[in-house]
Amino acid sequence: MALSSATALHQDPGLQPERTVMSWDRSLLALVVAAAMFLRWYGTVGPLALAPAVLCAGAALVIHWTQRHRYGTQAAGIAQERVRADAWAVLWLVALVMALAALGITAIWWT
């Protein structure tokens, strides 16, 4: 997701907010690819393959929708010299990976 220079809240474009946005973009891309891979199971597993695919696609949308807020929060934190770690986002992603693993195992188990 490219952010224009008008939305930049700090002077150094190589700082952490840009790297964090790129990292979340990679996570978004990985989720889209995982959704496509789960959809390939549809012929073998049937409708049970749709659950992890929908979860991946939904998570990718949530990441996309929260990118601008995440960037603004981090850029403002750098300007104020007080940046907090976004522990909830990390915990959410861990829970997502665990849920996807459980759904994937369930889909394989029931075939």
N, C-alpha and C. Protein backbone atom coordinates (compact mmCIF):
# COMPACT_ATOMS: atom_id res chain seq x y z
N MET A 1 0.85 -1.16 0.00
CA MET A 1 0.00 0.00 0.00
C MET A 1 0.89 1.22 0.00
N ALA A 2 0.87 2.01 -1.02
CA ALA A 2 1.70 3.20 -1.13
C ALA A 2 1.00 4.37 -0.44
N LEU A 3 1.74 5.01 0.42
CA LEU A 3 1.21 6.19 1.10
C LEU A 3 1.86 7.42 0.51
N SER A 4 1.10 8.43 0.23
CA SER A 4 1.65 9.63 -0.38
C SER A 4 2.46 10.41 0.64
N SER A 5 3.31 11.30 0.16
CA SER A 5 4.12 12.11 1.06
C SER A 5 3.26 13.07 1.87
N ALA A 6 2.04 13.35 1.42
CA ALA A 6 1.15 14.23 2.16
C ALA A 6 0.70 13.59 3.47
N THR A 7 0.71 12.27 3.55
CA THR A 7 0.29 11.59 4.77
C THR A 7 1.46 11.31 5.71
N ALA A 8 2.70 11.57 5.26
CA ALA A 8 3.86 11.31 6.11
C ALA A 8 3.86 12.27 7.30
N LEU A 9 4.08 11.69 8.47
CA LEU A 9 4.06 12.48 9.69
C LEU A 9 5.45 12.69 10.27
N HIS A 10 6.46 12.23 9.58
CA HIS A 10 7.83 12.40 10.04
C HIS A 10 8.72 12.68 8.84
N GLN A 11 9.98 13.02 9.08
CA GLN A 11 10.86 13.49 8.01
C GLN A 11 11.69 12.40 7.34
N ASP A 12 11.85 11.27 7.99
CA ASP A 12 12.70 10.21 7.45
C ASP A 12 11.84 9.07 6.90
N PRO A 13 11.75 8.92 5.56
CA PRO A 13 10.87 7.90 4.99
C PRO A 13 11.36 6.47 5.19
N GLY A 14 12.54 6.27 5.76
CA GLY A 14 13.05 4.92 5.98
C GLY A 14 12.83 4.43 7.40
N LEU A 15 12.07 5.17 8.18
CA LEU A 15 11.87 4.78 9.57
C LEU A 15 10.93 3.60 9.72
N GLN A 16 10.73 3.20 10.94
CA GLN A 16 9.97 2.00 11.26
C GLN A 16 8.56 1.93 10.68
N PRO A 17 7.77 3.01 10.66
CA PRO A 17 6.41 2.85 10.14
C PRO A 17 6.35 2.28 8.72
N GLU A 18 7.26 2.71 7.87
CA GLU A 18 7.26 2.20 6.50
C GLU A 18 7.64 0.73 6.45
N ARG A 19 8.62 0.35 7.26
CA ARG A 19 9.02 -1.06 7.30
C ARG A 19 7.91 -1.93 7.88
N THR A 20 7.20 -1.40 8.86
CA THR A 20 6.10 -2.15 9.46
C THR A 20 4.96 -2.32 8.46
N VAL A 21 4.64 -1.28 7.72
CA VAL A 21 3.59 -1.38 6.69
C VAL A 21 3.99 -2.42 5.66
N MET A 22 5.25 -2.43 5.24
CA MET A 22 5.69 -3.42 4.27
C MET A 22 5.61 -4.83 4.85
N SER A 23 5.91 -4.99 6.12
CA SER A 23 5.81 -6.29 6.76
C SER A 23 4.37 -6.78 6.80
N TRP A 24 3.44 -5.89 7.16
CA TRP A 24 2.02 -6.27 7.17
C TRP A 24 1.52 -6.55 5.76
N ASP A 25 2.05 -5.84 4.77
CA ASP A 25 1.70 -6.12 3.37
C ASP A 25 2.14 -7.52 2.97
N ARG A 26 3.32 -7.94 3.44
CA ARG A 26 3.77 -9.31 3.16
C ARG A 26 2.85 -10.32 3.84
N SER A 27 2.42 -10.02 5.05
CA SER A 27 1.47 -10.91 5.74
C SER A 27 0.15 -10.98 4.97
N LEU A 28 -0.31 -9.85 4.48
CA LEU A 28 -1.54 -9.80 3.69
C LEU A 28 -1.39 -10.66 2.44
N LEU A 29 -0.28 -10.54 1.75
CA LEU A 29 -0.04 -11.33 0.54
C LEU A 29 0.01 -12.82 0.88
N ALA A 30 0.66 -13.17 1.98
CA ALA A 30 0.73 -14.58 2.38
C ALA A 30 -0.66 -15.13 2.68
N LEU A 31 -1.52 -14.32 3.29
CA LEU A 31 -2.88 -14.77 3.58
C LEU A 31 -3.69 -14.97 2.30
N VAL A 32 -3.51 -14.10 1.32
CA VAL A 32 -4.21 -14.26 0.04
C VAL A 32 -3.75 -15.54 -0.66
N VAL A 33 -2.44 -15.80 -0.63
CA VAL A 33 -1.92 -17.02 -1.23
C VAL A 33 -2.44 -18.24 -0.48
N ALA A 34 -2.47 -18.17 0.85
CA ALA A 34 -3.00 -19.30 1.64
C ALA A 34 -4.47 -19.53 1.33
N ALA A 35 -5.24 -18.46 1.17
CA ALA A 35 -6.66 -18.61 0.81
C ALA A 35 -6.79 -19.33 -0.53
N ALA A 36 -5.96 -18.96 -1.49
CA ALA A 36 -6.00 -19.63 -2.80
C ALA A 36 -5.61 -21.10 -2.67
N MET A 37 -4.63 -21.38 -1.83
CA MET A 37 -4.23 -22.78 -1.64
C MET A 37 -5.34 -23.59 -0.97
N PHE A 38 -6.02 -23.00 0.00
CA PHE A 38 -7.14 -23.70 0.62
C PHE A 38 -8.26 -23.94 -0.38
N LEU A 39 -8.48 -23.00 -1.28
CA LEU A 39 -9.52 -23.19 -2.30
C LEU A 39 -9.19 -24.35 -3.24
N ARG A 40 -7.91 -24.63 -3.41
CA ARG A 40 -7.52 -25.77 -4.24
C ARG A 40 -7.94 -27.09 -3.61
N TRP A 41 -8.14 -27.09 -2.31
CA TRP A 41 -8.59 -28.30 -1.61
C TRP A 41 -10.05 -28.59 -1.87
N TYR A 42 -10.77 -27.65 -2.41
CA TYR A 42 -12.22 -27.80 -2.53
C TYR A 42 -12.61 -29.09 -3.28
N GLY A 43 -11.89 -29.41 -4.33
CA GLY A 43 -12.20 -30.62 -5.09
C GLY A 43 -11.99 -31.89 -4.28
N THR A 44 -11.04 -31.88 -3.36
CA THR A 44 -10.72 -33.05 -2.55
C THR A 44 -11.51 -33.10 -1.25
N VAL A 45 -11.54 -31.96 -0.57
CA VAL A 45 -12.12 -31.89 0.78
C VAL A 45 -13.59 -31.51 0.73
N GLY A 46 -13.97 -30.71 -0.24
CA GLY A 46 -15.35 -30.24 -0.32
C GLY A 46 -15.55 -28.91 0.40
N PRO A 47 -16.76 -28.64 0.84
CA PRO A 47 -17.08 -27.34 1.44
C PRO A 47 -16.28 -27.01 2.70
N LEU A 48 -15.72 -28.02 3.36
CA LEU A 48 -14.92 -27.77 4.56
C LEU A 48 -13.67 -26.95 4.24
N ALA A 49 -13.22 -26.97 3.01
CA ALA A 49 -12.05 -26.19 2.60
C ALA A 49 -12.38 -24.70 2.53
N LEU A 50 -13.65 -24.36 2.48
CA LEU A 50 -14.02 -22.95 2.38
C LEU A 50 -13.79 -22.19 3.69
N ALA A 51 -13.89 -22.85 4.82
CA ALA A 51 -13.73 -22.17 6.11
C ALA A 51 -12.36 -21.53 6.25
N PRO A 52 -11.24 -22.26 6.07
CA PRO A 52 -9.94 -21.59 6.19
C PRO A 52 -9.71 -20.56 5.08
N ALA A 53 -10.26 -20.81 3.90
CA ALA A 53 -10.09 -19.84 2.81
C ALA A 53 -10.78 -18.52 3.14
N VAL A 54 -11.99 -18.62 3.68
CA VAL A 54 -12.73 -17.41 4.06
C VAL A 54 -12.03 -16.71 5.22
N LEU A 55 -11.51 -17.47 6.18
CA LEU A 55 -10.79 -16.88 7.30
C LEU A 55 -9.54 -16.13 6.82
N CYS A 56 -8.80 -16.72 5.90
CA CYS A 56 -7.62 -16.05 5.34
C CYS A 56 -8.00 -14.77 4.60
N ALA A 57 -9.02 -14.86 3.77
CA ALA A 57 -9.45 -13.68 3.01
C ALA A 57 -9.96 -12.59 3.94
N GLY A 58 -10.72 -12.95 4.96
CA GLY A 58 -11.21 -11.96 5.93
C GLY A 58 -10.08 -11.30 6.69
N ALA A 59 -9.09 -12.09 7.10
CA ALA A 59 -7.94 -11.53 7.81
C ALA A 59 -7.14 -10.59 6.92
N ALA A 60 -7.00 -10.95 5.64
CA ALA A 60 -6.30 -10.07 4.70
C ALA A 60 -7.02 -8.74 4.56
N LEU A 61 -8.35 -8.79 4.52
CA LEU A 61 -9.12 -7.54 4.43
C LEU A 61 -8.95 -6.68 5.69
N VAL A 62 -8.95 -7.32 6.84
CA VAL A 62 -8.76 -6.57 8.09
C VAL A 62 -7.38 -5.90 8.12
N ILE A 63 -6.37 -6.63 7.70
CA ILE A 63 -5.02 -6.04 7.65
C ILE A 63 -5.01 -4.85 6.69
N HIS A 64 -5.63 -5.01 5.53
CA HIS A 64 -5.67 -3.92 4.55
C HIS A 64 -6.38 -2.69 5.12
N TRP A 65 -7.51 -2.92 5.78
CA TRP A 65 -8.29 -1.79 6.31
C TRP A 65 -7.61 -1.09 7.48
N THR A 66 -6.73 -1.75 8.20
CA THR A 66 -6.08 -1.13 9.37
C THR A 66 -4.70 -0.56 9.07
N GLN A 67 -4.23 -0.68 7.84
CA GLN A 67 -2.88 -0.21 7.51
C GLN A 67 -2.69 1.29 7.75
N ARG A 68 -3.60 2.09 7.28
CA ARG A 68 -3.44 3.54 7.40
C ARG A 68 -3.42 3.97 8.87
N HIS A 69 -4.29 3.38 9.68
CA HIS A 69 -4.31 3.71 11.11
C HIS A 69 -3.00 3.29 11.78
N ARG A 70 -2.52 2.10 11.44
CA ARG A 70 -1.27 1.59 12.02
C ARG A 70 -0.11 2.50 11.65
N TYR A 71 -0.05 2.93 10.40
CA TYR A 71 1.02 3.82 9.97
C TYR A 71 0.94 5.15 10.71
N GLY A 72 -0.25 5.72 10.80
CA GLY A 72 -0.41 7.01 11.47
C GLY A 72 -0.03 6.94 12.94
N THR A 73 -0.41 5.87 13.61
CA THR A 73 -0.07 5.71 15.02
C THR A 73 1.43 5.62 15.21
N GLN A 74 2.09 4.85 14.39
CA GLN A 74 3.54 4.70 14.54
C GLN A 74 4.29 5.97 14.15
N ALA A 75 3.86 6.62 13.10
CA ALA A 75 4.52 7.86 12.69
C ALA A 75 4.35 8.94 13.75
N ALA A 76 3.15 9.04 14.33
CA ALA A 76 2.93 10.00 15.40
C ALA A 76 3.76 9.64 16.62
N GLY A 77 3.90 8.36 16.90
CA GLY A 77 4.73 7.93 18.02
C GLY A 77 6.18 8.30 17.82
N ILE A 78 6.68 8.19 16.60
CA ILE A 78 8.07 8.59 16.34
C ILE A 78 8.22 10.10 16.50
N ALA A 79 7.24 10.85 16.01
CA ALA A 79 7.30 12.31 16.16
C ALA A 79 7.28 12.72 17.63
N GLN A 80 6.56 11.97 18.47
CA GLN A 80 6.49 12.27 19.90
C GLN A 80 7.56 11.54 20.70
N GLU A 81 8.35 10.73 20.02
CA GLU A 81 9.41 9.91 20.62
C GLU A 81 8.87 8.95 21.67
N ARG A 82 7.68 8.44 21.43
CA ARG A 82 7.06 7.41 22.28
C ARG A 82 6.27 6.46 21.40
N VAL A 83 6.90 5.35 21.05
CA VAL A 83 6.24 4.36 20.20
C VAL A 83 5.95 3.13 21.04
N ARG A 84 4.69 2.73 21.03
CA ARG A 84 4.29 1.52 21.75
C ARG A 84 4.20 0.36 20.77
N ALA A 85 4.56 -0.80 21.27
CA ALA A 85 4.42 -2.01 20.46
C ALA A 85 2.93 -2.34 20.33
N ASP A 86 2.54 -2.82 19.18
CA ASP A 86 1.16 -3.19 18.93
C ASP A 86 0.99 -4.68 19.26
N ALA A 87 0.94 -4.97 20.56
CA ALA A 87 0.87 -6.36 21.01
C ALA A 87 -0.42 -7.04 20.57
N TRP A 88 -1.52 -6.30 20.52
CA TRP A 88 -2.80 -6.90 20.12
C TRP A 88 -2.76 -7.40 18.69
N ALA A 89 -2.11 -6.66 17.81
CA ALA A 89 -2.02 -7.10 16.41
C ALA A 89 -1.21 -8.39 16.31
N VAL A 90 -0.15 -8.48 17.07
CA VAL A 90 0.68 -9.68 17.04
C VAL A 90 -0.10 -10.87 17.63
N LEU A 91 -0.77 -10.66 18.74
CA LEU A 91 -1.57 -11.73 19.34
C LEU A 91 -2.70 -12.17 18.41
N TRP A 92 -3.31 -11.20 17.73
CA TRP A 92 -4.37 -11.51 16.78
C TRP A 92 -3.83 -12.39 15.65
N LEU A 93 -2.64 -12.05 15.16
CA LEU A 93 -2.06 -12.84 14.07
C LEU A 93 -1.68 -14.24 14.55
N VAL A 94 -1.18 -14.36 15.78
CA VAL A 94 -0.88 -15.69 16.34
C VAL A 94 -2.16 -16.51 16.44
N ALA A 95 -3.23 -15.90 16.95
CA ALA A 95 -4.51 -16.61 17.06
C ALA A 95 -5.02 -17.03 15.67
N LEU A 96 -4.82 -16.17 14.68
CA LEU A 96 -5.24 -16.48 13.32
C LEU A 96 -4.48 -17.69 12.78
N VAL A 97 -3.18 -17.71 12.98
CA VAL A 97 -2.37 -18.83 12.49
C VAL A 97 -2.79 -20.13 13.18
N MET A 98 -3.05 -20.06 14.48
CA MET A 98 -3.49 -21.25 15.21
C MET A 98 -4.85 -21.73 14.71
N ALA A 99 -5.77 -20.79 14.45
CA ALA A 99 -7.09 -21.15 13.94
C ALA A 99 -6.97 -21.77 12.54
N LEU A 100 -6.12 -21.21 11.71
CA LEU A 100 -5.93 -21.77 10.37
C LEU A 100 -5.34 -23.18 10.43
N ALA A 101 -4.39 -23.38 11.34
CA ALA A 101 -3.81 -24.71 11.50
C ALA A 101 -4.89 -25.70 11.95
N ALA A 102 -5.71 -25.30 12.91
CA ALA A 102 -6.78 -26.19 13.39
C ALA A 102 -7.78 -26.50 12.28
N LEU A 103 -8.16 -25.48 11.51
CA LEU A 103 -9.10 -25.71 10.41
C LEU A 103 -8.49 -26.60 9.33
N GLY A 104 -7.22 -26.38 9.04
CA GLY A 104 -6.55 -27.21 8.04
C GLY A 104 -6.45 -28.66 8.47
N ILE A 105 -6.10 -28.87 9.73
CA ILE A 105 -6.02 -30.24 10.26
C ILE A 105 -7.40 -30.89 10.25
N THR A 106 -8.41 -30.12 10.64
CA THR A 106 -9.77 -30.65 10.63
C THR A 106 -10.21 -31.03 9.21
N ALA A 107 -9.89 -30.18 8.26
CA ALA A 107 -10.26 -30.47 6.87
C ALA A 107 -9.59 -31.73 6.36
N ILE A 108 -8.32 -31.92 6.73
CA ILE A 108 -7.60 -33.12 6.29
C ILE A 108 -8.15 -34.35 7.02
N TRP A 109 -8.41 -34.20 8.30
CA TRP A 109 -8.87 -35.31 9.14
C TRP A 109 -10.20 -35.88 8.65
N TRP A 110 -11.11 -35.01 8.20
CA TRP A 110 -12.45 -35.44 7.83
C TRP A 110 -12.56 -35.94 6.39
N THR A 111 -11.45 -35.98 5.66
CA THR A 111 -11.54 -36.48 4.29
C THR A 111 -11.35 -37.97 4.22
